[in-house]
Amino acid sequence: MKYWKVTWHHDFREEPVTLFSEIGEDGYETRKIQEYRDGRLLRTDGADETAEIGLSEIPVGRIEDVAAQPEFSAFVISKADFESMWNCASRGTYGHRLAPLSGQSPTRILGTVESPSSNR
């Protein structure tokens, strides 16, 4: 399994700003968490999909390709960090705000993947 945290840089009020994905060896998501600006968390393992959250119907591809898109920042995270967010999502929120004061979600980032042409 692989575990990703993808930050989506946008101004849409009703869309998630952070996506956490557990990805199987076949490239398909097996579980996903969506984090919203208001601190709300939604999660799915495919058995409980809704209009707001569902697993990707196609393989997710390479993290480098996601990171090459200017609207995304992509990170590899640990299984333990994904599980921690999964457990938070079972309660529906992560505290009372999007993330700690540092601006990062409560994950230990193992690797940042950015476009080679990116100067972030």
C-alpha atoms as a PDB file:
ATOM      1  CA  MET A   1       0.000   0.000   0.000  1.00  0.00           C
ATOM      2  CA  LYS A   2       0.966   3.607  -0.596  1.00  0.00           C
ATOM      3  CA  TYR A   3      -0.305   6.593   1.335  1.00  0.00           C
ATOM      4  CA  TRP A   4      -0.626  10.097  -0.094  1.00  0.00           C
ATOM      5  CA  LYS A   5      -1.585  13.498   1.161  1.00  0.00           C
ATOM      6  CA  VAL A   6      -2.564  15.872  -1.640  1.00  0.00           C
ATOM      7  CA  THR A   7      -3.280  19.516  -0.949  1.00  0.00           C
ATOM      8  CA  TRP A   8      -5.587  21.135  -3.503  1.00  0.00           C
ATOM      9  CA  HIS A   9      -4.932  24.876  -3.849  1.00  0.00           C
ATOM     10  CA  HIS A  10      -8.239  26.515  -4.802  1.00  0.00           C
ATOM     11  CA  ASP A  11     -10.912  28.957  -3.668  1.00  0.00           C
ATOM     12  CA  PHE A  12     -14.007  26.748  -4.020  1.00  0.00           C
ATOM     13  CA  ARG A  13     -15.912  26.934  -0.724  1.00  0.00           C
ATOM     14  CA  GLU A  14     -17.626  23.554  -0.965  1.00  0.00           C
ATOM     15  CA  GLU A  15     -14.688  21.454  -2.200  1.00  0.00           C
ATOM     16  CA  PRO A  16     -12.115  19.608  -0.065  1.00  0.00           C
ATOM     17  CA  VAL A  17      -8.707  21.199   0.383  1.00  0.00           C
ATOM     18  CA  THR A  18      -6.773  18.086   1.413  1.00  0.00           C
ATOM     19  CA  LEU A  19      -7.136  14.512   0.205  1.00  0.00           C
ATOM     20  CA  PHE A  20      -5.608  11.535   1.971  1.00  0.00           C
ATOM     21  CA  SER A  21      -5.509   8.321  -0.064  1.00  0.00           C
ATOM     22  CA  GLU A  22      -4.614   4.725   0.631  1.00  0.00           C
ATOM     23  CA  ILE A  23      -3.612   3.190  -2.686  1.00  0.00           C
ATOM     24  CA  GLY A  24      -3.342  -0.517  -3.446  1.00  0.00           C
ATOM     25  CA  GLU A  25      -0.643  -2.160  -5.529  1.00  0.00           C
ATOM     26  CA  ASP A  26      -3.014  -2.028  -8.531  1.00  0.00           C
ATOM     27  CA  GLY A  27      -3.054   1.790  -8.349  1.00  0.00           C
ATOM     28  CA  TYR A  28      -6.671   2.080  -7.189  1.00  0.00           C
ATOM     29  CA  GLU A  29      -7.695   3.912  -4.042  1.00  0.00           C
ATOM     30  CA  THR A  30      -8.859   1.579  -1.292  1.00  0.00           C
ATOM     31  CA  ARG A  31      -9.697   4.303   1.242  1.00  0.00           C
ATOM     32  CA  LYS A  32      -9.922   8.096   1.065  1.00  0.00           C
ATOM     33  CA  ILE A  33     -10.343  10.998   3.469  1.00  0.00           C
ATOM     34  CA  GLN A  34     -11.371  14.501   2.412  1.00  0.00           C
ATOM     35  CA  GLU A  35     -10.626  17.480   4.644  1.00  0.00           C
ATOM     36  CA  TYR A  36     -12.590  20.716   4.207  1.00  0.00           C
ATOM     37  CA  ARG A  37     -11.811  24.325   5.141  1.00  0.00           C
ATOM     38  CA  ASP A  38     -14.234  24.202   8.056  1.00  0.00           C
ATOM     39  CA  GLY A  39     -12.430  21.208   9.605  1.00  0.00           C
ATOM     40  CA  ARG A  40     -15.008  18.663   8.459  1.00  0.00           C
ATOM     41  CA  LEU A  41     -13.625  15.268   7.474  1.00  0.00           C
ATOM     42  CA  LEU A  42     -15.326  12.696   5.272  1.00  0.00           C
ATOM     43  CA  ARG A  43     -14.029   9.205   4.679  1.00  0.00           C
ATOM     44  CA  THR A  44     -14.900   6.212   2.535  1.00  0.00           C
ATOM     45  CA  ASP A  45     -13.677   2.704   1.910  1.00  0.00           C
ATOM     46  CA  GLY A  46     -15.979   2.319  -1.083  1.00  0.00           C
ATOM     47  CA  ALA A  47     -18.801   0.696   0.873  1.00  0.00           C
ATOM     48  CA  ASP A  48     -20.234   4.000   2.020  1.00  0.00           C
ATOM     49  CA  GLU A  49     -19.719   6.387  -0.899  1.00  0.00           C
ATOM     50  CA  THR A  50     -21.902   9.490  -1.123  1.00  0.00           C
ATOM     51  CA  ALA A  51     -22.369  12.355  -3.570  1.00  0.00           C
ATOM     52  CA  GLU A  52     -19.589  14.169  -1.677  1.00  0.00           C
ATOM     53  CA  ILE A  53     -16.981  11.414  -1.480  1.00  0.00           C
ATOM     54  CA  GLY A  54     -16.070   8.327  -3.439  1.00  0.00           C
ATOM     55  CA  LEU A  55     -13.043   6.355  -4.491  1.00  0.00           C
ATOM     56  CA  SER A  56     -11.456   7.065  -7.853  1.00  0.00           C
ATOM     57  CA  GLU A  57     -12.873   4.865 -10.614  1.00  0.00           C
ATOM     58  CA  ILE A  58      -9.499   4.728 -12.384  1.00  0.00           C
ATOM     59  CA  PRO A  59      -5.959   4.115 -11.097  1.00  0.00           C
ATOM     60  CA  VAL A  60      -4.549   7.276  -9.500  1.00  0.00           C
ATOM     61  CA  GLY A  61      -1.337   7.245 -11.522  1.00  0.00           C
ATOM     62  CA  ARG A  62       2.025   8.465 -10.324  1.00  0.00           C
ATOM     63  CA  ILE A  63       2.410  10.952  -7.502  1.00  0.00           C
ATOM     64  CA  GLU A  64       4.924  12.860  -9.647  1.00  0.00           C
ATOM     65  CA  ASP A  65       2.188  13.485 -12.221  1.00  0.00           C
ATOM     66  CA  VAL A  66      -0.166  14.806  -9.549  1.00  0.00           C
ATOM     67  CA  ALA A  67       2.541  17.066  -8.128  1.00  0.00           C
ATOM     68  CA  ALA A  68       3.345  18.415 -11.603  1.00  0.00           C
ATOM     69  CA  GLN A  69      -0.071  20.084 -11.708  1.00  0.00           C
ATOM     70  CA  PRO A  70       0.172  23.613 -10.284  1.00  0.00           C
ATOM     71  CA  GLU A  71      -3.042  23.308  -8.250  1.00  0.00           C
ATOM     72  CA  PHE A  72      -1.695  20.410  -6.176  1.00  0.00           C
ATOM     73  CA  SER A  73       1.065  19.699  -3.672  1.00  0.00           C
ATOM     74  CA  ALA A  74       1.636  15.983  -3.131  1.00  0.00           C
ATOM     75  CA  PHE A  75       3.285  14.171  -0.230  1.00  0.00           C
ATOM     76  CA  VAL A  76       3.988  10.567   0.673  1.00  0.00           C
ATOM     77  CA  ILE A  77       2.912   9.862   4.259  1.00  0.00           C
ATOM     78  CA  SER A  78       3.204   6.850   6.534  1.00  0.00           C
ATOM     79  CA  LYS A  79       0.519   4.238   7.102  1.00  0.00           C
ATOM     80  CA  ALA A  80       0.380   5.291  10.772  1.00  0.00           C
ATOM     81  CA  ASP A  81      -0.321   8.887   9.783  1.00  0.00           C
ATOM     82  CA  PHE A  82      -3.052   7.812   7.371  1.00  0.00           C
ATOM     83  CA  GLU A  83      -4.628   5.647  10.084  1.00  0.00           C
ATOM     84  CA  SER A  84      -4.525   8.581  12.503  1.00  0.00           C
ATOM     85  CA  MET A  85      -6.455  10.734  10.022  1.00  0.00           C
ATOM     86  CA  TRP A  86      -8.848   7.823   9.311  1.00  0.00           C
ATOM     87  CA  ASN A  87      -9.621   7.617  13.017  1.00  0.00           C
ATOM     88  CA  CYS A  88     -10.153  11.394  13.208  1.00  0.00           C
ATOM     89  CA  ALA A  89     -12.508  11.140  10.227  1.00  0.00           C
ATOM     90  CA  SER A  90     -14.565   8.526  12.046  1.00  0.00           C
ATOM     91  CA  ARG A  91     -15.421  11.342  14.455  1.00  0.00           C
ATOM     92  CA  GLY A  92     -16.152  13.679  11.527  1.00  0.00           C
ATOM     93  CA  THR A  93     -13.774  16.525  12.349  1.00  0.00           C
ATOM     94  CA  TYR A  94     -10.176  17.272  13.117  1.00  0.00           C
ATOM     95  CA  GLY A  95     -10.447  19.543  16.109  1.00  0.00           C
ATOM     96  CA  HIS A  96     -12.048  22.913  15.468  1.00  0.00           C
ATOM     97  CA  ARG A  97      -9.920  24.114  12.600  1.00  0.00           C
ATOM     98  CA  LEU A  98      -8.326  22.791   9.442  1.00  0.00           C
ATOM     99  CA  ALA A  99      -4.854  22.171  10.843  1.00  0.00           C
ATOM    100  CA  PRO A 100      -2.449  23.101  13.609  1.00  0.00           C
ATOM    101  CA  LEU A 101      -0.954  26.592  13.638  1.00  0.00           C
ATOM    102  CA  SER A 102       1.981  25.456  11.523  1.00  0.00           C
ATOM    103  CA  GLY A 103      -0.403  25.158   8.568  1.00  0.00           C
ATOM    104  CA  GLN A 104       0.222  21.436   8.132  1.00  0.00           C
ATOM    105  CA  SER A 105      -2.194  18.640   8.834  1.00  0.00           C
ATOM    106  CA  PRO A 106      -1.136  16.277  11.614  1.00  0.00           C
ATOM    107  CA  THR A 107       0.995  14.103   9.365  1.00  0.00           C
ATOM    108  CA  ARG A 108       4.685  13.443   9.321  1.00  0.00           C
ATOM    109  CA  ILE A 109       5.666  14.022   5.713  1.00  0.00           C
ATOM    110  CA  LEU A 110       7.980  11.320   4.416  1.00  0.00           C
ATOM    111  CA  GLY A 111       8.563  12.855   1.022  1.00  0.00           C
ATOM    112  CA  THR A 112       7.437  15.820  -0.989  1.00  0.00           C
ATOM    113  CA  VAL A 113       7.037  15.324  -4.691  1.00  0.00           C
ATOM    114  CA  GLU A 114       7.097  18.408  -6.854  1.00  0.00           C
ATOM    115  CA  SER A 115       7.390  19.078 -10.535  1.00  0.00           C
ATOM    116  CA  PRO A 116      11.054  19.296 -11.630  1.00  0.00           C
ATOM    117  CA  SER A 117      10.303  22.730 -13.081  1.00  0.00           C
ATOM    118  CA  SER A 118       8.663  23.915  -9.858  1.00  0.00           C
ATOM    119  CA  ASN A 119      10.382  26.549  -7.762  1.00  0.00           C
ATOM    120  CA  ARG A 120       8.209  26.204  -4.651  1.00  0.00           C
END
